Every structure is written in C-alpha cells, then in structure tokens.
Amino acid sequence: MALLEVNEITKVFGGLTAVDKVSFKVEPGEIVSIIGPNGAGKTTIFNMLTGVYKVDNGSINFDGKAIHNTSPQHIVHAGIARTFQNIRLFPNMRVIENVMIGNHINTKYGFLDEVFRTPRFRKGERECAQKAIDILESLDLGDQIDNYAKNLPYGMQRKVEIARAIATNAKLIILDEPAAGMNPQESEELMEFIRSLRDKGHTILLIEHDMNLVMQISDRIYVIEYGKKIAEGLPAEVAHNPRVITAYLGSGGISKDEE
C-alpha cells in the first residue's frame, strides 16, 4: 500500500480551476518530484496536502487514513511535515533549539507544567533536546548544535530546516523548492543530503525547478500543467516525453547531464 495516495483532487478559486482531478502516489522510501511551469498548480497541491487549502473534490489518504480537509495540526500529527521555499528558521535561536521546536508537538507536558517548570516539563525538555541532538548528529550536523541559525550559510540553514521537519516524527517530508536561492555548489550538496535522507529510510515529496537536481535524485516524477497532470514516470521517461518537452522543458528537451 502506498504511503500517500492522492485521488483526483480538485481545487477551484472563484471561476478558476487551479488543480483539476490530479492523482499520484508516493511509496515508502521514495523520492517523488512534482514539476511544472510557474502557476501550474504545484503549490496549491502542497497546500491541500498540508491542510492549508480545503479539497473541493477527490481524496487524500495517508498511511491508510483519509486526511483531506483536516487541520494542518492534524496532518502534522499524522506524520507529514513540510518545509517552505523561504526558509523559516528562528535566526536568533541556536540550531538545537530550532530543531527542538519540531519535536514540541509530541511533548506530554501541559501549559502549567511549562509555567511552573515541573519535573514533567524538565524531563520532557531533556528528552526533546536529546532527540534533536540525535537527529542533527545523524545528518552530520552535530558540529552546528550550538551555533545560531543566522550565522549558518544558506545551504546549511536549509538542512537544519529539514532536520526540524524530521523532528516532528514525520513519515513523509514535503520539500517546497529546497534548492531555491542556492548556488551550484550548494545545490550539489543539497542533492547529496536528500539522497542521504532516502538512504536513512525517509520518504520525500518535492517541488523543484532545478531540473538537474530533480532528474538526478527522483525515483519518479509527475508533471503538472495548467492544473492537470500531463505525464508521470521515471526521470528518463519524463525527460523524453514530447508533451513535457513542449509544455515545460522547451523544444530542446533536457541535456544529457540532466538525465
């Protein structure tokens, strides 16, 4: 059974159909990419997956349960975490504190425990800090634990943001334009980082305009144009699909380096 099954989801804004009966799936341990021109509906799809937008028609099933038209909080608890195109770290907090925030949705203490610093609160915070340390060390970010987010290079900030998503206990990590604003070296490092996440058992769904990155790391690709799915398949299949070449990649197709 697929981890994520999206069945003919539709979203209409006024008289405009932004997403029209789009279906796709993500299997455990895959890297799946959704690509398409600007305005194709990719971000709208992500917003429906994460509860920001309601689904007008269709269904979204995650880990065997329907999650469409539930709250973003419910979806995070179900096991889906998202990063955004614009990095949303807390710049004046340490790296470990940024990652701990991701795990705070799973803490067992309440508001009064926090106010009065009860033993339950202190125990929960120790466990939360240790989990953040374990995640950062597993991602080779252990040497950044006490650094402040604002002092990190851009590419490193993106990795910390992904670490925070992992800290929510996510079964599926959704990445929205993770390579946006990166130079070629940072993009290459990010590509290896995302591959390492898959090797550690994480499941990734991403939107990305960096076609070199998409073609090199994706297990499967879905292509969206004007809110409709126009193609799907392995990277090589998508790269040579005439409709994709015409609609998105240009008449020249994809260079050999990008396949």
Protein backbone atom coordinates (compact mmCIF):
# COMPACT_ATOMS: atom_id res chain seq x y z
CA MET A 1 0.00 0.00 0.00
CA ALA A 2 1.28 3.46 -0.91
CA LEU A 3 2.19 5.77 1.96
CA LEU A 4 0.42 8.68 0.24
CA GLU A 5 -2.45 8.26 -2.23
CA VAL A 6 -3.91 11.35 -3.88
CA ASN A 7 -7.07 10.60 -5.85
CA GLU A 8 -8.43 13.12 -8.38
CA ILE A 9 -8.11 16.16 -6.14
CA THR A 10 -9.62 19.41 -7.42
CA LYS A 11 -9.34 22.99 -6.19
CA VAL A 12 -11.36 25.89 -7.57
CA PHE A 13 -10.80 29.56 -6.72
CA GLY A 14 -13.80 31.55 -7.91
CA GLY A 15 -14.16 30.59 -11.56
CA LEU A 16 -10.58 29.32 -11.90
CA THR A 17 -9.78 25.62 -11.56
CA ALA A 18 -6.27 25.68 -10.10
CA VAL A 19 -5.99 21.89 -9.74
CA ASP A 20 -8.12 19.58 -11.88
CA LYS A 21 -8.52 15.91 -10.90
CA VAL A 22 -4.86 15.27 -10.12
CA SER A 23 -3.87 11.83 -8.86
CA PHE A 24 -0.50 10.49 -7.73
CA LYS A 25 1.06 8.30 -5.07
CA VAL A 26 4.22 8.06 -3.02
CA GLU A 27 5.59 4.72 -1.83
CA PRO A 28 7.61 4.38 1.40
CA GLY A 29 11.28 5.19 0.89
CA GLU A 30 10.83 7.05 -2.40
CA ILE A 31 11.86 10.46 -3.61
CA VAL A 32 8.98 11.72 -5.77
CA SER A 33 9.03 15.08 -7.54
CA ILE A 34 6.21 17.24 -8.89
CA ILE A 35 7.33 19.60 -11.63
CA GLY A 36 5.67 22.08 -13.95
CA PRO A 37 5.76 25.70 -15.11
CA ASN A 38 5.10 28.59 -12.74
CA GLY A 39 1.39 28.76 -12.00
CA ALA A 40 0.82 25.09 -12.89
CA GLY A 41 -0.80 24.34 -9.53
CA LYS A 42 2.06 22.62 -7.72
CA THR A 43 1.99 24.79 -4.59
CA THR A 44 -1.81 24.53 -4.47
CA ILE A 45 -1.41 20.74 -4.38
CA PHE A 46 1.06 21.04 -1.50
CA ASN A 47 -1.34 23.36 0.34
CA MET A 48 -4.12 20.77 0.03
CA LEU A 49 -1.81 18.02 1.23
CA THR A 50 -0.89 20.01 4.34
CA GLY A 51 -4.37 21.29 5.22
CA VAL A 52 -3.84 24.92 4.22
CA TYR A 53 -6.49 24.61 1.49
CA LYS A 54 -9.63 22.51 1.51
CA VAL A 55 -10.06 19.89 -1.20
CA ASP A 56 -13.14 20.66 -3.30
CA ASN A 57 -13.32 17.17 -4.82
CA GLY A 58 -11.29 14.00 -4.53
CA SER A 59 -9.46 12.45 -1.58
CA ILE A 60 -6.06 12.27 0.09
CA ASN A 61 -5.15 9.13 2.01
CA PHE A 62 -2.02 8.93 4.13
CA ASP A 63 -0.81 5.78 5.83
CA GLY A 64 -4.19 4.19 5.16
CA LYS A 65 -6.32 7.04 6.55
CA ALA A 66 -8.17 9.92 4.92
CA ILE A 67 -6.58 13.26 5.79
CA HIS A 68 -8.14 15.67 3.29
CA ASN A 69 -9.98 18.65 4.75
CA THR A 70 -8.46 18.21 8.19
CA SER A 71 -6.39 20.83 10.03
CA PRO A 72 -2.65 21.40 9.46
CA GLN A 73 -2.06 20.33 13.06
CA HIS A 74 -3.87 17.03 12.46
CA ILE A 75 -1.81 16.39 9.35
CA VAL A 76 1.48 17.05 11.18
CA HIS A 77 0.41 14.63 13.92
CA ALA A 78 -0.49 12.09 11.22
CA GLY A 79 3.12 12.19 10.04
CA ILE A 80 3.54 14.80 7.28
CA ALA A 81 5.98 17.70 7.70
CA ARG A 82 6.70 20.49 5.23
CA THR A 83 9.45 22.97 4.52
CA PHE A 84 8.85 26.17 2.55
CA GLN A 85 10.58 27.91 -0.34
CA ASN A 86 11.55 30.75 2.01
CA ILE A 87 13.49 29.39 4.98
CA ARG A 88 11.56 29.83 8.22
CA LEU A 89 14.11 29.24 10.93
CA PHE A 90 14.30 31.37 14.05
CA PRO A 91 17.54 33.26 13.32
CA ASN A 92 18.33 34.27 16.90
CA MET A 93 17.89 30.77 18.28
CA ARG A 94 20.51 28.05 18.33
CA VAL A 95 20.34 25.18 15.86
CA ILE A 96 19.35 22.70 18.57
CA GLU A 97 16.53 24.99 19.70
CA ASN A 98 15.19 25.30 16.15
CA VAL A 99 15.11 21.51 15.82
CA MET A 100 13.54 21.04 19.27
CA ILE A 101 10.61 23.18 18.12
CA GLY A 102 9.76 20.46 15.62
CA ASN A 103 9.54 17.88 18.39
CA HIS A 104 7.42 20.03 20.69
CA ILE A 105 4.22 18.79 19.03
CA ASN A 106 4.97 15.41 20.64
CA THR A 107 5.65 16.61 24.18
CA LYS A 108 3.48 15.27 27.00
CA TYR A 109 3.60 18.19 29.39
CA GLY A 110 0.97 20.95 29.54
CA PHE A 111 0.94 24.72 29.85
CA LEU A 112 1.06 24.73 33.65
CA ASP A 113 3.98 22.30 33.62
CA GLU A 114 5.86 24.79 31.48
CA VAL A 115 4.92 27.79 33.62
CA PHE A 116 6.00 26.14 36.88
CA ARG A 117 8.91 24.15 35.41
CA THR A 118 7.58 20.89 36.86
CA PRO A 119 9.57 17.65 36.85
CA ARG A 120 7.42 16.52 33.91
CA PHE A 121 8.43 19.62 31.96
CA ARG A 122 12.13 19.23 32.75
CA LYS A 123 12.08 15.55 31.79
CA GLY A 124 10.26 16.35 28.55
CA GLU A 125 12.75 19.06 27.64
CA ARG A 126 15.72 16.76 28.31
CA GLU A 127 14.21 14.11 26.05
CA CYS A 128 13.39 16.70 23.39
CA ALA A 129 16.95 18.07 23.45
CA GLN A 130 18.46 14.60 23.21
CA LYS A 131 16.25 13.75 20.24
CA ALA A 132 17.33 16.97 18.49
CA ILE A 133 20.98 16.11 19.12
CA ASP A 134 20.48 12.59 17.77
CA ILE A 135 18.83 13.90 14.60
CA LEU A 136 21.48 16.55 13.99
CA GLU A 137 24.31 14.07 14.53
CA SER A 138 22.65 11.53 12.22
CA LEU A 139 22.57 14.19 9.50
CA ASP A 140 26.23 15.20 10.08
CA LEU A 141 25.12 18.50 11.61
CA GLY A 142 26.32 17.75 15.12
CA ASP A 143 29.04 20.39 14.94
CA GLN A 144 26.36 23.07 14.43
CA ILE A 145 24.28 22.27 17.52
CA ASP A 146 25.18 25.41 19.47
CA ASN A 147 25.55 27.74 16.51
CA TYR A 148 22.89 30.37 15.88
CA ALA A 149 20.75 29.85 12.78
CA LYS A 150 21.54 33.33 11.46
CA ASN A 151 25.25 32.50 11.38
CA LEU A 152 24.85 29.48 9.10
CA PRO A 153 25.40 29.53 5.34
CA TYR A 154 22.20 29.39 3.31
CA GLY A 155 22.58 25.74 2.35
CA MET A 156 23.20 24.73 5.95
CA GLN A 157 20.09 26.60 7.07
CA ARG A 158 18.06 24.53 4.62
CA LYS A 159 19.45 21.33 6.12
CA VAL A 160 18.54 22.49 9.63
CA GLU A 161 15.02 23.25 8.44
CA ILE A 162 14.74 19.70 7.11
CA ALA A 163 16.11 18.38 10.42
CA ARG A 164 13.32 20.27 12.20
CA ALA A 165 10.77 18.59 9.92
CA ILE A 166 12.24 15.19 10.79
CA ALA A 167 11.90 16.04 14.50
CA THR A 168 8.11 16.06 14.17
CA ASN A 169 8.34 12.27 13.65
CA ALA A 170 7.37 12.77 10.01
CA LYS A 171 6.82 9.71 7.84
CA LEU A 172 6.70 11.96 4.77
CA ILE A 173 8.79 15.11 4.31
CA ILE A 174 7.45 17.62 1.77
CA LEU A 175 10.08 19.97 0.35
CA ASP A 176 8.93 23.13 -1.44
CA GLU A 177 11.70 24.41 -3.74
CA PRO A 178 14.54 23.30 -1.44
CA ALA A 179 17.23 24.49 -3.89
CA ALA A 180 15.72 27.97 -4.35
CA GLY A 181 18.41 30.65 -3.98
CA MET A 182 21.29 28.20 -3.91
CA ASN A 183 24.45 28.40 -5.94
CA PRO A 184 25.57 25.29 -7.92
CA GLN A 185 27.80 24.02 -5.13
CA GLU A 186 25.04 24.36 -2.53
CA SER A 187 22.58 22.61 -4.87
CA GLU A 188 25.02 19.73 -5.32
CA GLU A 189 25.44 19.42 -1.56
CA LEU A 190 21.67 19.53 -1.09
CA MET A 191 21.25 16.78 -3.67
CA GLU A 192 23.60 14.51 -1.73
CA PHE A 193 21.84 15.45 1.51
CA ILE A 194 18.41 14.49 0.15
CA ARG A 195 19.82 11.22 -1.17
CA SER A 196 21.20 10.52 2.30
CA LEU A 197 17.75 11.09 3.78
CA ARG A 198 16.31 8.42 1.49
CA ASP A 199 19.18 6.08 2.39
CA LYS A 200 18.21 6.55 6.05
CA GLY A 201 14.63 5.48 5.25
CA HIS A 202 12.91 8.85 4.87
CA THR A 203 10.24 9.39 2.22
CA ILE A 204 10.44 12.65 0.25
CA LEU A 205 7.95 14.56 -1.92
CA LEU A 206 9.28 17.71 -3.51
CA ILE A 207 8.55 20.59 -5.85
CA GLU A 208 11.68 21.88 -7.54
CA HIS A 209 12.68 23.99 -10.54
CA ASP A 210 16.31 22.82 -10.55
CA MET A 211 15.93 20.20 -13.27
CA ASN A 212 19.42 18.82 -12.73
CA LEU A 213 18.55 18.06 -9.11
CA VAL A 214 15.11 16.65 -9.99
CA MET A 215 16.41 14.33 -12.70
CA GLN A 216 19.29 13.02 -10.61
CA ILE A 217 17.54 12.26 -7.31
CA SER A 218 13.92 11.42 -8.18
CA ASP A 219 12.65 7.86 -8.25
CA ARG A 220 9.53 9.04 -10.08
CA ILE A 221 8.26 12.36 -11.44
CA TYR A 222 4.79 13.82 -12.01
CA VAL A 223 4.35 16.75 -14.38
CA ILE A 224 1.57 19.34 -13.90
CA GLU A 225 0.45 21.93 -16.45
CA TYR A 226 -2.50 24.31 -16.01
CA GLY A 227 -3.66 22.29 -13.01
CA LYS A 228 -3.72 18.96 -14.84
CA LYS A 229 -1.33 16.03 -14.70
CA ILE A 230 0.16 15.62 -18.17
CA ALA A 231 2.85 13.00 -17.54
CA GLU A 232 4.36 10.67 -14.99
CA GLY A 233 7.16 8.15 -14.87
CA LEU A 234 10.85 7.58 -14.34
CA PRO A 235 13.14 10.58 -14.89
CA ALA A 236 14.34 9.29 -18.28
CA GLU A 237 10.76 8.72 -19.42
CA VAL A 238 9.66 12.18 -18.38
CA ALA A 239 12.73 13.81 -19.94
CA HIS A 240 11.87 12.36 -23.33
CA ASN A 241 8.09 12.82 -23.17
CA PRO A 242 7.18 15.09 -26.11
CA ARG A 243 4.36 16.77 -24.23
CA VAL A 244 6.63 17.58 -21.31
CA ILE A 245 9.35 18.89 -23.62
CA THR A 246 6.86 21.18 -25.34
CA ALA A 247 5.00 22.33 -22.22
CA TYR A 248 7.78 22.72 -19.71
CA LEU A 249 11.31 21.91 -20.73
CA GLY A 250 11.41 23.74 -24.05
CA SER A 251 11.91 22.43 -27.52
CA GLY A 252 15.48 21.41 -26.75
CA GLY A 253 14.49 18.90 -24.09
CA ILE A 254 16.89 18.06 -21.28
CA SER A 255 20.61 17.93 -21.76
CA LYS A 256 22.44 14.67 -21.21
CA ASP A 257 23.86 15.96 -17.93
CA GLU A 258 20.34 16.42 -16.57
CA GLU A 259 19.08 12.91 -17.31
